[in-house]
Amino acid sequence: MEINKMKRNLLLGVVLLIVVTVFIWVYKKDSDATMPNVSVPISNEIKKFETVIKKDDLDLSLSGNNSSSILNEFKTSEKISNSGGSIQLTDVAKVDFPSGSLDGTEVTVSKVESTDFSKDFDDTAGLFGATGQNKYQVTIDVKGTQPMKATNVTLTIPGSLTALAPSGSELRAFYTLYQISDDEREKTVEALSDRFAVDAKTITISLPPEAFSSEASNGHSVYQAIIYLGFTPTARN
C-alpha cells in the first residue's frame, strides 16, 4: 500500500510538471506573437535622430552662424565654372567671378538678417566711425575652395538705408576678416577702400580672396564672405 501511494504521488508530480511546462510554453508563444517588436522602431528612431543632428550641424556650418540669431534669410545658388560666371539675388546683389577663380564650384548668395552679424559690426566697425548699419547682410558661400581672384559684387542699396545717412557721410561696404595664429582667433569687420555717395542706388565693390574664410563655417569646407553696408564720415582731401 505504501509503495502504491508513493507511485501515485510520483505520477501526479510528473503530470503536474508536464502541465506547468506546457502552460509556460503556450504563454511564451502567445506573448511573442502579441508583443510588438520594439527593437526596430527604436533603432529607426535613433537613426532618424542622428540624421537630424547631422543635418542641423551642416546647416549651422554653412551659415557660419548660430541659427537662432538668424531672423530672416533669402538665397540662391549656382555652379561657377573655370571660365567664370555670375550669380544674382534679385534686388540684393550680383556676384561676378572672373575666369580662373573657381572650377565647377557651387556658390550660394544670401540676404541674411542676423543679430550676431549686426553685433560683429557694432563691436569693431566703430573703429572707422561707421554708423547707420543696413538691416541685412549679404553672404557669399563658396563650397570647397577659396576664390583665386578678387570677386566683384554689385549691391542694390535699399531706400531704408539711404534714409539713415548722417549729414556729411559716405556710403561704405565692409566685410568680416578672420586673423588666425597659433594661439589666437580674431574676427573683425574691415572697411573696403571704396567710398560712395549716400544716395547711390547701386554700388560695385571688389572683394579680395581673404574676405572668404572657412572660419565662418567652423572649419567646414565652405568659404564664406560676409558683406555689410553702413556710413562713415566723409574723407577729407
Protein backbone atom coordinates (compact mmCIF):
# COMPACT_ATOMS: atom_id res chain seq x y z
CA MET A 1 0.00 0.00 0.00
CA GLU A 2 2.79 2.42 0.89
CA ILE A 3 4.59 1.67 -2.38
CA ASN A 4 1.44 2.25 -4.43
CA LYS A 5 0.91 5.58 -2.67
CA MET A 6 4.46 6.65 -3.50
CA LYS A 7 3.99 5.65 -7.16
CA ARG A 8 0.72 7.60 -7.31
CA ASN A 9 2.35 10.73 -5.82
CA LEU A 10 5.27 10.43 -8.20
CA LEU A 11 2.92 10.10 -11.16
CA LEU A 12 0.92 13.11 -10.01
CA GLY A 13 4.18 15.08 -9.69
CA VAL A 14 5.22 14.17 -13.23
CA VAL A 15 1.79 15.10 -14.60
CA LEU A 16 1.90 18.41 -12.74
CA LEU A 17 5.36 19.16 -14.11
CA ILE A 18 4.17 18.41 -17.67
CA VAL A 19 1.13 20.66 -17.22
CA VAL A 20 3.26 23.54 -15.88
CA THR A 21 5.80 23.11 -18.72
CA VAL A 22 3.05 23.14 -21.37
CA PHE A 23 1.45 26.22 -19.75
CA ILE A 24 4.74 28.12 -19.76
CA TRP A 25 5.42 27.17 -23.39
CA VAL A 26 1.94 28.26 -24.54
CA TYR A 27 2.17 31.54 -22.59
CA LYS A 28 5.59 32.36 -24.03
CA LYS A 29 4.41 31.57 -27.55
CA ASP A 30 1.37 33.84 -27.20
CA SER A 31 3.49 36.63 -25.69
CA ASP A 32 5.97 36.50 -28.58
CA ALA A 33 3.12 36.63 -31.07
CA THR A 34 1.38 39.61 -29.49
CA MET A 35 4.32 41.61 -28.14
CA PRO A 36 5.34 44.43 -30.56
CA ASN A 37 8.87 44.32 -31.90
CA VAL A 38 10.21 47.50 -30.33
CA SER A 39 13.82 46.99 -31.35
CA VAL A 40 13.28 48.01 -34.96
CA PRO A 41 11.32 51.24 -34.25
CA ILE A 42 13.83 52.25 -31.55
CA SER A 43 16.69 51.60 -33.95
CA ASN A 44 14.93 53.60 -36.64
CA GLU A 45 14.27 56.49 -34.27
CA ILE A 46 17.93 56.54 -33.24
CA LYS A 47 18.95 56.69 -36.90
CA LYS A 48 16.43 59.48 -37.52
CA PHE A 49 17.79 61.40 -34.53
CA GLU A 50 21.36 61.02 -35.77
CA THR A 51 20.29 62.24 -39.21
CA VAL A 52 18.63 65.33 -37.74
CA ILE A 53 21.74 66.12 -35.67
CA LYS A 54 24.00 65.81 -38.70
CA LYS A 55 21.68 67.93 -40.83
CA ASP A 56 21.44 70.64 -38.17
CA ASP A 57 25.21 70.62 -37.81
CA LEU A 58 25.60 71.00 -41.57
CA ASP A 59 23.09 73.85 -41.72
CA LEU A 60 24.87 75.66 -38.94
CA SER A 61 28.24 75.21 -40.61
CA LEU A 62 27.01 76.51 -43.95
CA SER A 63 25.54 79.58 -42.46
CA GLY A 64 28.61 80.19 -40.37
CA ASN A 65 26.31 81.38 -37.66
CA ASN A 66 24.08 80.22 -34.85
CA SER A 67 20.69 79.57 -36.48
CA SER A 68 18.91 81.15 -33.51
CA SER A 69 20.49 84.51 -34.42
CA ILE A 70 19.12 84.48 -38.00
CA LEU A 71 15.88 86.43 -38.17
CA ASN A 72 15.33 86.11 -41.92
CA GLU A 73 17.16 84.57 -44.89
CA PHE A 74 16.67 84.51 -48.66
CA LYS A 75 19.17 82.84 -51.01
CA THR A 76 20.02 81.43 -54.44
CA SER A 77 22.71 79.02 -55.68
CA GLU A 78 24.64 78.40 -58.91
CA LYS A 79 27.71 76.46 -60.07
CA ILE A 80 30.56 78.60 -61.36
CA SER A 81 32.90 77.04 -63.94
CA ASN A 82 36.59 77.73 -64.53
CA SER A 83 35.66 80.15 -67.30
CA GLY A 84 33.94 82.37 -64.72
CA GLY A 85 30.33 83.36 -64.26
CA SER A 86 27.85 85.30 -62.20
CA ILE A 87 25.07 84.66 -59.72
CA GLN A 88 22.32 87.13 -58.89
CA LEU A 89 19.95 87.52 -55.98
CA THR A 90 17.24 89.85 -57.31
CA ASP A 91 17.16 93.31 -55.74
CA VAL A 92 20.02 92.38 -53.42
CA ALA A 93 23.32 91.53 -55.13
CA LYS A 94 25.02 90.30 -58.29
CA VAL A 95 28.31 88.45 -57.82
CA ASP A 96 30.82 88.11 -60.68
CA PHE A 97 33.66 85.57 -60.60
CA PRO A 98 36.42 86.07 -63.20
CA SER A 99 37.91 83.28 -65.30
CA GLY A 100 40.21 81.03 -63.29
CA SER A 101 38.79 81.98 -59.92
CA LEU A 102 36.71 78.81 -59.36
CA ASP A 103 36.28 75.45 -61.08
CA GLY A 104 32.77 73.98 -61.16
CA THR A 105 32.15 75.21 -57.63
CA GLU A 106 28.74 75.70 -56.02
CA VAL A 107 28.16 79.25 -54.80
CA THR A 108 25.27 80.48 -52.66
CA VAL A 109 24.37 84.16 -52.25
CA SER A 110 22.12 85.01 -49.32
CA LYS A 111 20.34 88.01 -47.88
CA VAL A 112 20.56 87.47 -44.12
CA GLU A 113 19.22 89.34 -41.13
CA SER A 114 21.45 88.14 -38.29
CA THR A 115 21.74 89.56 -34.80
CA ASP A 116 25.22 88.01 -34.49
CA PHE A 117 26.44 89.69 -37.67
CA SER A 118 24.97 93.01 -36.55
CA LYS A 119 26.79 92.69 -33.23
CA ASP A 120 30.09 91.98 -35.02
CA PHE A 121 29.61 95.21 -36.98
CA ASP A 122 28.77 97.24 -33.88
CA ASP A 123 31.74 95.78 -31.98
CA THR A 124 34.51 96.58 -34.49
CA ALA A 125 33.32 98.76 -37.40
CA GLY A 126 33.14 101.67 -34.99
CA LEU A 127 36.91 101.95 -35.43
CA PHE A 128 36.09 103.52 -38.81
CA GLY A 129 33.43 105.79 -37.33
CA ALA A 130 30.79 103.62 -39.00
CA THR A 131 27.11 104.31 -38.34
CA GLY A 132 23.71 103.51 -39.83
CA GLN A 133 24.25 99.81 -40.44
CA ASN A 134 22.00 98.21 -43.07
CA LYS A 135 19.18 96.00 -41.75
CA TYR A 136 20.54 92.92 -43.55
CA GLN A 137 23.89 91.47 -44.59
CA VAL A 138 24.88 89.70 -47.80
CA THR A 139 26.76 86.41 -47.51
CA ILE A 140 28.55 84.54 -50.30
CA ASP A 141 29.24 80.86 -49.59
CA VAL A 142 31.74 79.03 -51.80
CA LYS A 143 31.97 75.26 -51.35
CA GLY A 144 35.35 73.60 -51.05
CA THR A 145 37.76 76.35 -52.04
CA GLN A 146 38.64 80.00 -51.62
CA PRO A 147 38.29 82.09 -54.80
CA MET A 148 41.64 82.53 -56.53
CA LYS A 149 40.96 86.10 -57.65
CA ALA A 150 39.12 89.19 -56.47
CA THR A 151 35.33 88.95 -56.74
CA ASN A 152 33.20 91.84 -57.97
CA VAL A 153 29.91 92.34 -56.15
CA THR A 154 27.22 94.80 -57.24
CA LEU A 155 24.92 95.67 -54.35
CA THR A 156 21.46 97.20 -54.55
CA ILE A 157 21.11 99.92 -51.91
CA PRO A 158 17.73 99.85 -50.12
CA GLY A 159 15.94 103.13 -49.53
CA SER A 160 15.64 102.27 -45.85
CA LEU A 161 19.43 102.50 -45.57
CA THR A 162 19.68 105.72 -47.56
CA ALA A 163 17.24 107.33 -45.13
CA LEU A 164 19.69 106.66 -42.27
CA ALA A 165 22.60 108.55 -43.85
CA PRO A 166 24.04 111.16 -41.45
CA SER A 167 24.93 114.57 -42.78
CA GLY A 168 28.46 114.73 -44.13
CA SER A 169 28.86 110.97 -44.58
CA GLU A 170 29.72 108.49 -47.31
CA LEU A 171 28.37 105.05 -48.07
CA ARG A 172 30.84 102.23 -47.38
CA ALA A 173 30.97 98.46 -47.70
CA PHE A 174 32.57 96.29 -45.03
CA TYR A 175 33.48 92.60 -44.72
CA THR A 176 34.39 90.15 -41.96
CA LEU A 177 38.09 89.36 -41.68
CA TYR A 178 39.44 86.41 -39.67
CA GLN A 179 43.02 86.60 -38.45
CA ILE A 180 44.32 83.24 -37.23
CA SER A 181 47.54 82.49 -35.37
CA ASP A 182 48.77 79.53 -33.32
CA ASP A 183 47.08 80.71 -30.15
CA GLU A 184 44.58 83.31 -31.29
CA ARG A 185 41.49 83.62 -33.50
CA GLU A 186 40.43 87.22 -34.08
CA LYS A 187 37.37 88.35 -36.02
CA THR A 188 36.96 91.97 -37.12
CA VAL A 189 34.82 93.94 -39.56
CA GLU A 190 37.01 95.76 -42.06
CA ALA A 191 36.10 98.63 -44.41
CA LEU A 192 36.81 98.41 -48.14
CA SER A 193 38.62 101.45 -49.52
CA ASP A 194 35.86 102.43 -51.98
CA ARG A 195 33.60 105.34 -50.95
CA PHE A 196 30.22 106.12 -52.49
CA ALA A 197 27.59 108.87 -52.44
CA VAL A 198 24.93 108.28 -49.80
CA ASP A 199 22.14 108.46 -52.40
CA ALA A 200 23.67 105.77 -54.67
CA LYS A 201 21.16 103.21 -55.95
CA THR A 202 23.78 100.52 -56.61
CA ILE A 203 27.49 100.18 -55.85
CA THR A 204 30.15 97.74 -57.10
CA ILE A 205 32.88 96.54 -54.77
CA SER A 206 35.84 94.19 -55.17
CA LEU A 207 36.23 91.51 -52.51
CA PRO A 208 39.78 90.17 -52.02
CA PRO A 209 40.20 86.37 -51.72
CA GLU A 210 40.92 86.72 -47.99
CA ALA A 211 37.39 88.02 -47.49
CA PHE A 212 36.30 84.39 -47.97
CA SER A 213 37.13 82.27 -44.93
CA SER A 214 36.32 78.74 -43.80
CA GLU A 215 36.48 80.03 -40.23
CA ALA A 216 33.00 81.43 -40.75
CA SER A 217 31.72 77.87 -41.18
CA ASN A 218 33.58 76.49 -38.15
CA GLY A 219 36.26 74.82 -40.23
CA HIS A 220 33.92 73.04 -42.65
CA SER A 221 34.87 73.32 -46.32
CA VAL A 222 32.70 76.33 -47.04
CA TYR A 223 34.41 79.68 -47.61
CA GLN A 224 32.09 82.50 -46.64
CA ALA A 225 32.26 86.23 -47.21
CA ILE A 226 30.01 88.48 -45.12
CA ILE A 227 29.25 91.95 -46.53
CA TYR A 228 27.85 94.88 -44.54
CA LEU A 229 26.74 98.35 -45.60
CA GLY A 230 26.99 101.47 -43.48
CA PHE A 231 28.22 105.05 -43.41
CA THR A 232 31.46 106.73 -42.37
CA PRO A 233 32.36 110.42 -42.16
CA THR A 234 33.33 111.98 -45.49
CA ALA A 235 37.05 111.71 -46.10
CA ARG A 236 39.00 114.97 -46.10
CA ASN A 237 41.21 115.61 -49.12
